[in-house]
Amino acid sequence: MVDFILPLTSTFREAMTTIENVDPSICVVRGQDGGVLRTVTDGDIRRQLLAGASLDDDLSALPLAPPVIATEDTTDGQLHNIMIS
C-alpha cells in the first residue's frame, strides 16, 4: 500500500506519483507537528505548473487550504452547510 500522507517538503513530482498510485486520487500534506495542513489533488498541482512552478518545487509553494473535517456526529444539515460555504 502506498502512503498518501506527505510532508510539506515533498515535491510536486512526489505528490503526483502518490496521487497516481492511491485511491482516491488525493494526498494529504502534514506539517512538522504531524497535523494536517491541506489535501492536494492533481488539479492543485496542475494550476501551480501552469502558473510557472516546477515539478521539483515543494508542496510549501501551494497556498494554505486547511481541510474541513466532519465527524460521525455531524448532521446532514451541518454537512450541507459545510459543502456550500
N, C-alpha and C. Protein backbone atom coordinates (compact mmCIF):
# COMPACT_ATOMS: atom_id res chain seq x y z
N MET A 1 0.83 -1.18 0.00
CA MET A 1 0.00 0.00 0.00
C MET A 1 0.88 1.25 0.00
N VAL A 2 0.54 2.20 -0.82
CA VAL A 2 1.27 3.46 -0.91
C VAL A 2 0.73 4.42 0.13
N ASP A 3 1.64 5.08 0.85
CA ASP A 3 1.23 6.07 1.84
C ASP A 3 0.78 7.33 1.13
N PHE A 4 -0.36 7.86 1.49
CA PHE A 4 -0.88 9.06 0.83
C PHE A 4 -0.66 10.31 1.67
N ILE A 5 0.09 10.19 2.77
CA ILE A 5 0.40 11.33 3.62
C ILE A 5 1.83 11.75 3.36
N LEU A 6 2.00 13.02 2.95
CA LEU A 6 3.31 13.53 2.58
C LEU A 6 3.69 14.72 3.45
N PRO A 7 5.00 14.88 3.73
CA PRO A 7 5.43 16.09 4.43
C PRO A 7 5.43 17.29 3.49
N LEU A 8 5.38 18.47 4.06
CA LEU A 8 5.35 19.71 3.30
C LEU A 8 6.57 19.87 2.40
N THR A 9 7.65 19.18 2.72
CA THR A 9 8.89 19.28 1.94
C THR A 9 8.89 18.37 0.72
N SER A 10 7.85 17.57 0.52
CA SER A 10 7.76 16.72 -0.67
C SER A 10 7.60 17.60 -1.91
N THR A 11 8.05 17.09 -3.04
CA THR A 11 7.94 17.85 -4.29
C THR A 11 6.61 17.58 -4.97
N PHE A 12 6.28 18.46 -5.92
CA PHE A 12 5.08 18.23 -6.73
C PHE A 12 5.19 16.89 -7.45
N ARG A 13 6.39 16.54 -7.89
CA ARG A 13 6.59 15.26 -8.58
C ARG A 13 6.24 14.09 -7.66
N GLU A 14 6.70 14.16 -6.42
CA GLU A 14 6.39 13.09 -5.45
C GLU A 14 4.89 13.03 -5.17
N ALA A 15 4.27 14.19 -5.07
CA ALA A 15 2.83 14.22 -4.85
C ALA A 15 2.08 13.62 -6.03
N MET A 16 2.49 13.96 -7.25
CA MET A 16 1.82 13.41 -8.44
C MET A 16 1.97 11.89 -8.49
N THR A 17 3.14 11.39 -8.14
CA THR A 17 3.35 9.93 -8.11
C THR A 17 2.43 9.29 -7.08
N THR A 18 2.33 9.91 -5.92
CA THR A 18 1.45 9.40 -4.87
C THR A 18 0.00 9.39 -5.34
N ILE A 19 -0.44 10.53 -5.89
CA ILE A 19 -1.83 10.66 -6.35
C ILE A 19 -2.15 9.61 -7.43
N GLU A 20 -1.19 9.32 -8.28
CA GLU A 20 -1.38 8.35 -9.35
C GLU A 20 -1.56 6.93 -8.80
N ASN A 21 -0.99 6.67 -7.61
CA ASN A 21 -0.95 5.31 -7.09
C ASN A 21 -1.87 5.03 -5.91
N VAL A 22 -2.74 5.98 -5.57
CA VAL A 22 -3.67 5.73 -4.47
C VAL A 22 -5.10 5.96 -4.94
N ASP A 23 -6.04 5.39 -4.20
CA ASP A 23 -7.44 5.59 -4.48
C ASP A 23 -8.12 5.94 -3.15
N PRO A 24 -8.70 7.10 -3.03
CA PRO A 24 -8.96 8.09 -4.07
C PRO A 24 -7.70 8.86 -4.45
N SER A 25 -7.72 9.48 -5.58
CA SER A 25 -6.56 10.19 -6.14
C SER A 25 -6.34 11.53 -5.45
N ILE A 26 -5.78 11.45 -4.26
CA ILE A 26 -5.56 12.63 -3.43
C ILE A 26 -4.43 12.32 -2.46
N CYS A 27 -3.72 13.34 -2.03
CA CYS A 27 -2.77 13.13 -0.95
C CYS A 27 -3.02 14.17 0.13
N VAL A 28 -2.54 13.86 1.31
CA VAL A 28 -2.70 14.73 2.47
C VAL A 28 -1.32 15.25 2.84
N VAL A 29 -1.22 16.55 3.05
CA VAL A 29 0.05 17.17 3.42
C VAL A 29 0.04 17.42 4.92
N ARG A 30 1.09 16.97 5.59
CA ARG A 30 1.18 17.16 7.03
C ARG A 30 2.29 18.15 7.35
N GLY A 31 2.12 18.85 8.46
CA GLY A 31 3.13 19.78 8.92
C GLY A 31 4.17 19.08 9.78
N GLN A 32 5.12 19.84 10.27
CA GLN A 32 6.18 19.28 11.11
C GLN A 32 5.64 18.68 12.39
N ASP A 33 4.50 19.21 12.87
CA ASP A 33 3.90 18.68 14.09
C ASP A 33 3.02 17.46 13.83
N GLY A 34 2.93 17.06 12.55
CA GLY A 34 2.12 15.89 12.18
C GLY A 34 0.68 16.22 11.86
N GLY A 35 0.28 17.48 12.07
CA GLY A 35 -1.09 17.88 11.79
C GLY A 35 -1.36 18.03 10.31
N VAL A 36 -2.59 17.88 9.92
CA VAL A 36 -2.99 18.01 8.52
C VAL A 36 -3.01 19.48 8.13
N LEU A 37 -2.29 19.82 7.05
CA LEU A 37 -2.26 21.19 6.55
C LEU A 37 -3.24 21.40 5.41
N ARG A 38 -3.35 20.40 4.55
CA ARG A 38 -4.24 20.53 3.40
C ARG A 38 -4.27 19.19 2.65
N THR A 39 -5.21 19.08 1.74
CA THR A 39 -5.22 17.98 0.80
C THR A 39 -4.74 18.53 -0.55
N VAL A 40 -4.24 17.63 -1.38
CA VAL A 40 -3.73 18.03 -2.70
C VAL A 40 -4.26 17.07 -3.75
N THR A 41 -4.75 17.64 -4.85
CA THR A 41 -5.19 16.85 -6.00
C THR A 41 -4.30 17.18 -7.18
N ASP A 42 -4.45 16.41 -8.24
CA ASP A 42 -3.67 16.71 -9.45
C ASP A 42 -4.04 18.09 -10.00
N GLY A 43 -5.27 18.52 -9.80
CA GLY A 43 -5.69 19.84 -10.26
C GLY A 43 -4.96 20.96 -9.53
N ASP A 44 -4.72 20.78 -8.23
CA ASP A 44 -3.96 21.78 -7.47
C ASP A 44 -2.55 21.93 -8.04
N ILE A 45 -1.94 20.80 -8.34
CA ILE A 45 -0.58 20.83 -8.88
C ILE A 45 -0.58 21.37 -10.30
N ARG A 46 -1.55 20.98 -11.09
CA ARG A 46 -1.64 21.47 -12.47
C ARG A 46 -1.75 23.00 -12.50
N ARG A 47 -2.56 23.56 -11.62
CA ARG A 47 -2.68 25.02 -11.57
C ARG A 47 -1.35 25.68 -11.22
N GLN A 48 -0.59 25.09 -10.32
CA GLN A 48 0.72 25.64 -9.96
C GLN A 48 1.69 25.56 -11.15
N LEU A 49 1.65 24.45 -11.87
CA LEU A 49 2.54 24.29 -13.02
C LEU A 49 2.20 25.30 -14.11
N LEU A 50 0.92 25.51 -14.34
CA LEU A 50 0.50 26.50 -15.35
C LEU A 50 0.90 27.91 -14.94
N ALA A 51 1.06 28.14 -13.64
CA ALA A 51 1.47 29.45 -13.13
C ALA A 51 2.98 29.61 -13.11
N GLY A 52 3.71 28.57 -13.57
CA GLY A 52 5.17 28.68 -13.68
C GLY A 52 5.97 27.86 -12.69
N ALA A 53 5.32 27.08 -11.85
CA ALA A 53 6.04 26.23 -10.91
C ALA A 53 6.71 25.07 -11.64
N SER A 54 7.63 24.42 -10.95
CA SER A 54 8.34 23.25 -11.47
C SER A 54 7.90 22.01 -10.71
N LEU A 55 8.00 20.86 -11.34
CA LEU A 55 7.68 19.61 -10.64
C LEU A 55 8.63 19.37 -9.48
N ASP A 56 9.77 20.05 -9.46
CA ASP A 56 10.74 19.89 -8.39
C ASP A 56 10.51 20.87 -7.24
N ASP A 57 9.54 21.78 -7.37
CA ASP A 57 9.18 22.67 -6.26
C ASP A 57 8.50 21.85 -5.18
N ASP A 58 8.62 22.31 -3.94
CA ASP A 58 7.98 21.52 -2.88
C ASP A 58 6.57 22.03 -2.59
N LEU A 59 5.86 21.22 -1.84
CA LEU A 59 4.45 21.48 -1.59
C LEU A 59 4.20 22.75 -0.79
N SER A 60 5.24 23.29 -0.19
CA SER A 60 5.06 24.55 0.55
C SER A 60 4.72 25.70 -0.39
N ALA A 61 4.91 25.51 -1.70
CA ALA A 61 4.55 26.54 -2.68
C ALA A 61 3.03 26.65 -2.86
N LEU A 62 2.29 25.65 -2.42
CA LEU A 62 0.83 25.69 -2.54
C LEU A 62 0.24 26.64 -1.50
N PRO A 63 -0.82 27.33 -1.86
CA PRO A 63 -1.48 28.16 -0.85
C PRO A 63 -2.09 27.28 0.25
N LEU A 64 -2.12 27.81 1.44
CA LEU A 64 -2.72 27.05 2.53
C LEU A 64 -4.22 26.91 2.29
N ALA A 65 -4.70 25.73 2.51
CA ALA A 65 -6.13 25.45 2.36
C ALA A 65 -6.49 24.40 3.41
N PRO A 66 -6.62 24.84 4.66
CA PRO A 66 -6.90 23.87 5.72
C PRO A 66 -8.12 23.03 5.40
N PRO A 67 -8.03 21.73 5.61
CA PRO A 67 -9.17 20.86 5.29
C PRO A 67 -10.34 21.09 6.24
N VAL A 68 -11.51 20.83 5.74
CA VAL A 68 -12.72 20.88 6.55
C VAL A 68 -13.00 19.44 6.98
N ILE A 69 -13.18 19.25 8.24
CA ILE A 69 -13.33 17.89 8.77
C ILE A 69 -14.70 17.73 9.42
N ALA A 70 -15.36 16.64 9.12
CA ALA A 70 -16.65 16.30 9.74
C ALA A 70 -16.46 15.03 10.55
N THR A 71 -17.19 14.94 11.64
CA THR A 71 -17.14 13.75 12.48
C THR A 71 -18.41 12.93 12.27
N GLU A 72 -18.46 11.79 12.92
CA GLU A 72 -19.65 10.94 12.83
C GLU A 72 -20.89 11.65 13.37
N ASP A 73 -20.68 12.60 14.27
CA ASP A 73 -21.80 13.31 14.90
C ASP A 73 -22.31 14.47 14.06
N THR A 74 -21.63 14.78 12.96
CA THR A 74 -22.05 15.89 12.11
C THR A 74 -23.37 15.54 11.43
N THR A 75 -24.35 16.42 11.56
CA THR A 75 -25.67 16.15 10.99
C THR A 75 -25.66 16.40 9.48
N ASP A 76 -26.66 15.90 8.80
CA ASP A 76 -26.80 16.14 7.37
C ASP A 76 -26.89 17.64 7.08
N GLY A 77 -27.61 18.36 7.90
CA GLY A 77 -27.74 19.80 7.72
C GLY A 77 -26.41 20.51 7.86
N GLN A 78 -25.62 20.10 8.85
CA GLN A 78 -24.30 20.70 9.02
C GLN A 78 -23.39 20.37 7.83
N LEU A 79 -23.46 19.14 7.35
CA LEU A 79 -22.65 18.75 6.18
C LEU A 79 -23.04 19.59 4.97
N HIS A 80 -24.33 19.79 4.79
CA HIS A 80 -24.80 20.62 3.68
C HIS A 80 -24.23 22.03 3.78
N ASN A 81 -24.28 22.60 4.98
CA ASN A 81 -23.75 23.95 5.17
C ASN A 81 -22.24 24.01 4.91
N ILE A 82 -21.52 22.98 5.31
CA ILE A 82 -20.08 22.92 5.06
C ILE A 82 -19.81 22.91 3.56
N MET A 83 -20.57 22.11 2.83
CA MET A 83 -20.33 21.96 1.39
C MET A 83 -20.67 23.21 0.59
N ILE A 84 -21.62 24.01 1.05
CA ILE A 84 -21.98 25.19 0.28
C ILE A 84 -21.26 26.45 0.73
N SER A 85 -20.48 26.33 1.80
CA SER A 85 -19.77 27.53 2.28
C SER A 85 -18.42 27.70 1.61
